[in-house]
Amino acid sequence: MATDAGVATVTVTTDGPHAIAQFRNLVLWQGQAAPTLNLPPGERVERQGITFLAVGNTWLAIHPLADGFALEVGEPQSHGSFAAFQTAVVDRAALSLSGTRLTYRDSQGHEIALNRHLQNGLPQVWRDGSRHDWHHHWQTPDWFAIAGLSPPAEIPRLVD
């Protein structure tokens, strides 16, 4: 998170395997053991079991789970103020578990879902109801074509 003093980071430590899903400003983290979140200093508020953190113009809403958490990021452009972000999350966000599928609907109506039972070594992830296709995840876009340029005849290799 950008601050006037530089960059503040959130780190997660845990023992054991875990699965992560990310979509826009949302993260679902689920593991076999409870994680430890190391949060940067900032204004911290607890409301209805949700931890809110304001660091500069970046705001976090952290919904703890026994073995993980859901995280939503807000900012002035999306919610106006830290107080409005808190109210929107408390009033509209929802975290639910159906079988092994964990779903988080954010304060603006977007959804991310995670089934930590691996399929081909990867978690099953849904973004706004569409299942993420890991096969296409690894494809690199053709940045030259996107920029309307031709690639160089030979791409130089970096050597140590």
Protein backbone atom coordinates (compact mmCIF):
# COMPACT_ATOMS: atom_id res chain seq x y z
CA MET A 1 0.00 0.00 0.00
CA ALA A 2 1.36 3.39 -0.96
CA THR A 3 1.81 5.87 1.87
CA ASP A 4 3.35 9.31 2.20
CA ALA A 5 6.36 7.61 3.80
CA GLY A 6 6.77 4.93 1.10
CA VAL A 7 5.19 1.51 0.83
CA ALA A 8 3.46 -0.48 3.57
CA THR A 9 3.00 -4.23 3.15
CA VAL A 10 0.77 -6.93 4.54
CA THR A 11 2.48 -10.28 5.05
CA VAL A 12 0.91 -13.64 5.76
CA THR A 13 2.77 -16.46 7.48
CA THR A 14 1.53 -19.98 8.05
CA ASP A 15 2.51 -23.57 8.52
CA GLY A 16 1.09 -25.92 5.96
CA PRO A 17 -0.44 -25.76 2.51
CA HIS A 18 -2.94 -23.10 1.53
CA ALA A 19 -4.96 -21.88 -1.45
CA ILE A 20 -5.40 -18.30 -2.61
CA ALA A 21 -7.92 -16.68 -4.95
CA GLN A 22 -7.63 -13.07 -6.12
CA PHE A 23 -10.02 -10.96 -8.20
CA ARG A 24 -9.71 -7.22 -8.60
CA ASN A 25 -9.62 -5.81 -5.05
CA LEU A 26 -10.52 -9.13 -3.35
CA VAL A 27 -8.48 -11.97 -1.86
CA LEU A 28 -9.60 -15.27 -0.33
CA TRP A 29 -6.97 -17.20 1.61
CA GLN A 30 -7.71 -20.65 3.03
CA GLY A 31 -5.29 -23.13 4.53
CA GLN A 32 -4.98 -26.10 6.83
CA ALA A 33 -3.72 -23.93 9.69
CA ALA A 34 -4.65 -20.44 10.84
CA PRO A 35 -2.43 -17.78 9.26
CA THR A 36 -0.76 -14.87 10.99
CA LEU A 37 -1.32 -11.51 9.31
CA ASN A 38 1.32 -8.89 9.90
CA LEU A 39 -0.37 -5.58 9.23
CA PRO A 40 1.31 -2.20 8.81
CA PRO A 41 0.59 0.58 11.30
CA GLY A 42 -2.53 2.57 10.58
CA GLU A 43 -5.98 3.41 11.87
CA ARG A 44 -7.55 0.13 13.01
CA VAL A 45 -11.29 -0.33 13.64
CA GLU A 46 -13.20 -3.49 14.63
CA ARG A 47 -16.84 -3.74 13.53
CA GLN A 48 -18.99 -6.86 13.66
CA GLY A 49 -16.00 -9.20 13.64
CA ILE A 50 -14.34 -7.43 10.70
CA THR A 51 -10.98 -5.69 11.09
CA PHE A 52 -10.72 -2.46 9.14
CA LEU A 53 -7.36 -0.82 8.52
CA ALA A 54 -6.64 2.55 6.95
CA VAL A 55 -3.10 3.18 5.71
CA GLY A 56 -2.97 6.42 3.77
CA ASN A 57 -5.65 6.30 1.07
CA THR A 58 -5.82 2.49 1.08
CA TRP A 59 -8.33 0.72 3.27
CA LEU A 60 -8.60 -2.98 4.12
CA ALA A 61 -11.52 -5.02 5.41
CA ILE A 62 -10.33 -8.35 6.82
CA HIS A 63 -12.89 -11.06 7.58
CA PRO A 64 -11.15 -13.75 9.68
CA LEU A 65 -11.90 -17.46 9.30
CA ALA A 66 -10.72 -20.35 11.44
CA ASP A 67 -8.27 -21.31 8.68
CA GLY A 68 -7.99 -18.19 6.57
CA PHE A 69 -9.46 -14.81 5.70
CA ALA A 70 -11.25 -12.75 3.09
CA LEU A 71 -9.80 -9.35 2.30
CA GLU A 72 -11.38 -6.43 0.46
CA VAL A 73 -9.45 -3.31 -0.53
CA GLY A 74 -11.11 0.10 -0.77
CA GLU A 75 -9.96 3.61 -1.59
CA PRO A 76 -11.43 7.10 -2.06
CA GLN A 77 -12.22 6.38 -5.74
CA SER A 78 -14.36 3.34 -4.88
CA HIS A 79 -16.01 4.35 -1.59
CA GLY A 80 -15.35 8.02 -0.90
CA SER A 81 -14.22 7.78 2.73
CA PHE A 82 -12.92 5.23 5.21
CA ALA A 83 -16.19 5.52 7.18
CA ALA A 84 -18.27 4.92 4.02
CA PHE A 85 -16.09 1.90 3.18
CA GLN A 86 -16.71 0.40 6.61
CA THR A 87 -20.46 0.94 6.34
CA ALA A 88 -20.61 -0.54 2.83
CA VAL A 89 -18.68 -3.64 3.91
CA VAL A 90 -20.77 -4.19 7.06
CA ASP A 91 -24.07 -3.61 5.21
CA ARG A 92 -23.42 -5.37 1.89
CA ALA A 93 -20.48 -7.77 2.02
CA ALA A 94 -21.09 -11.44 2.80
CA LEU A 95 -18.88 -14.45 3.44
CA SER A 96 -20.40 -17.92 3.06
CA LEU A 97 -19.33 -21.54 3.02
CA SER A 98 -21.24 -24.15 1.02
CA GLY A 99 -19.63 -27.58 1.25
CA THR A 100 -15.99 -26.90 0.47
CA ARG A 101 -16.64 -23.73 -1.55
CA LEU A 102 -15.92 -20.44 0.22
CA THR A 103 -17.55 -17.37 -1.36
CA TYR A 104 -17.10 -13.68 -0.63
CA ARG A 105 -19.41 -11.03 -2.09
CA ASP A 106 -17.86 -7.60 -1.68
CA SER A 107 -19.41 -4.26 -0.81
CA GLN A 108 -19.89 -3.46 -4.51
CA GLY A 109 -21.48 -6.79 -5.50
CA HIS A 110 -18.47 -8.60 -7.00
CA GLU A 111 -17.87 -12.20 -5.96
CA ILE A 112 -14.87 -14.43 -5.58
CA ALA A 113 -15.09 -18.08 -4.61
CA LEU A 114 -12.49 -20.68 -3.73
CA ASN A 115 -12.55 -24.43 -3.33
CA ARG A 116 -9.25 -25.32 -1.73
CA HIS A 117 -9.51 -28.96 -2.83
CA LEU A 118 -6.94 -29.00 -5.58
CA GLN A 119 -7.60 -30.01 -9.14
CA ASN A 120 -4.39 -30.70 -11.07
CA GLY A 121 -2.49 -29.13 -8.19
CA LEU A 122 -4.43 -25.85 -8.30
CA PRO A 123 -7.42 -24.54 -6.34
CA GLN A 124 -10.76 -24.06 -8.06
CA VAL A 125 -11.52 -20.33 -8.34
CA TRP A 126 -14.64 -18.48 -9.49
CA ARG A 127 -14.73 -14.75 -10.31
CA ASP A 128 -18.17 -13.16 -10.54
CA GLY A 129 -19.59 -16.65 -11.07
CA SER A 130 -17.20 -17.67 -13.88
CA ARG A 131 -14.78 -20.47 -13.14
CA HIS A 132 -11.16 -19.44 -13.67
CA ASP A 133 -9.46 -21.39 -16.45
CA TRP A 134 -5.92 -22.06 -15.24
CA HIS A 135 -4.92 -23.20 -18.75
CA HIS A 136 -5.35 -19.66 -20.06
CA HIS A 137 -3.92 -18.12 -16.90
CA TRP A 138 -0.37 -18.96 -17.92
CA GLN A 139 -0.60 -17.56 -21.46
CA THR A 140 1.39 -14.39 -21.90
CA PRO A 141 -0.32 -11.62 -23.88
CA ASP A 142 1.36 -10.45 -27.07
CA TRP A 143 2.38 -7.04 -25.71
CA PHE A 144 3.88 -6.01 -29.04
CA ALA A 145 0.57 -6.58 -30.85
CA ILE A 146 -1.38 -4.84 -28.11
CA ALA A 147 0.91 -1.81 -28.44
CA GLY A 148 0.68 -1.94 -32.27
CA LEU A 149 4.39 -2.70 -32.62
CA SER A 150 6.42 -5.39 -34.33
CA PRO A 151 8.63 -7.55 -32.12
CA PRO A 152 12.40 -7.27 -32.62
CA ALA A 153 13.98 -9.86 -34.90
CA GLU A 154 15.87 -11.21 -31.91
CA ILE A 155 15.14 -10.65 -28.27
CA PRO A 156 18.35 -10.11 -26.33
CA ARG A 157 19.04 -12.53 -23.51
CA LEU A 158 20.27 -11.35 -20.17
CA VAL A 159 23.26 -13.18 -18.80
CA ASP A 160 24.72 -13.15 -15.30
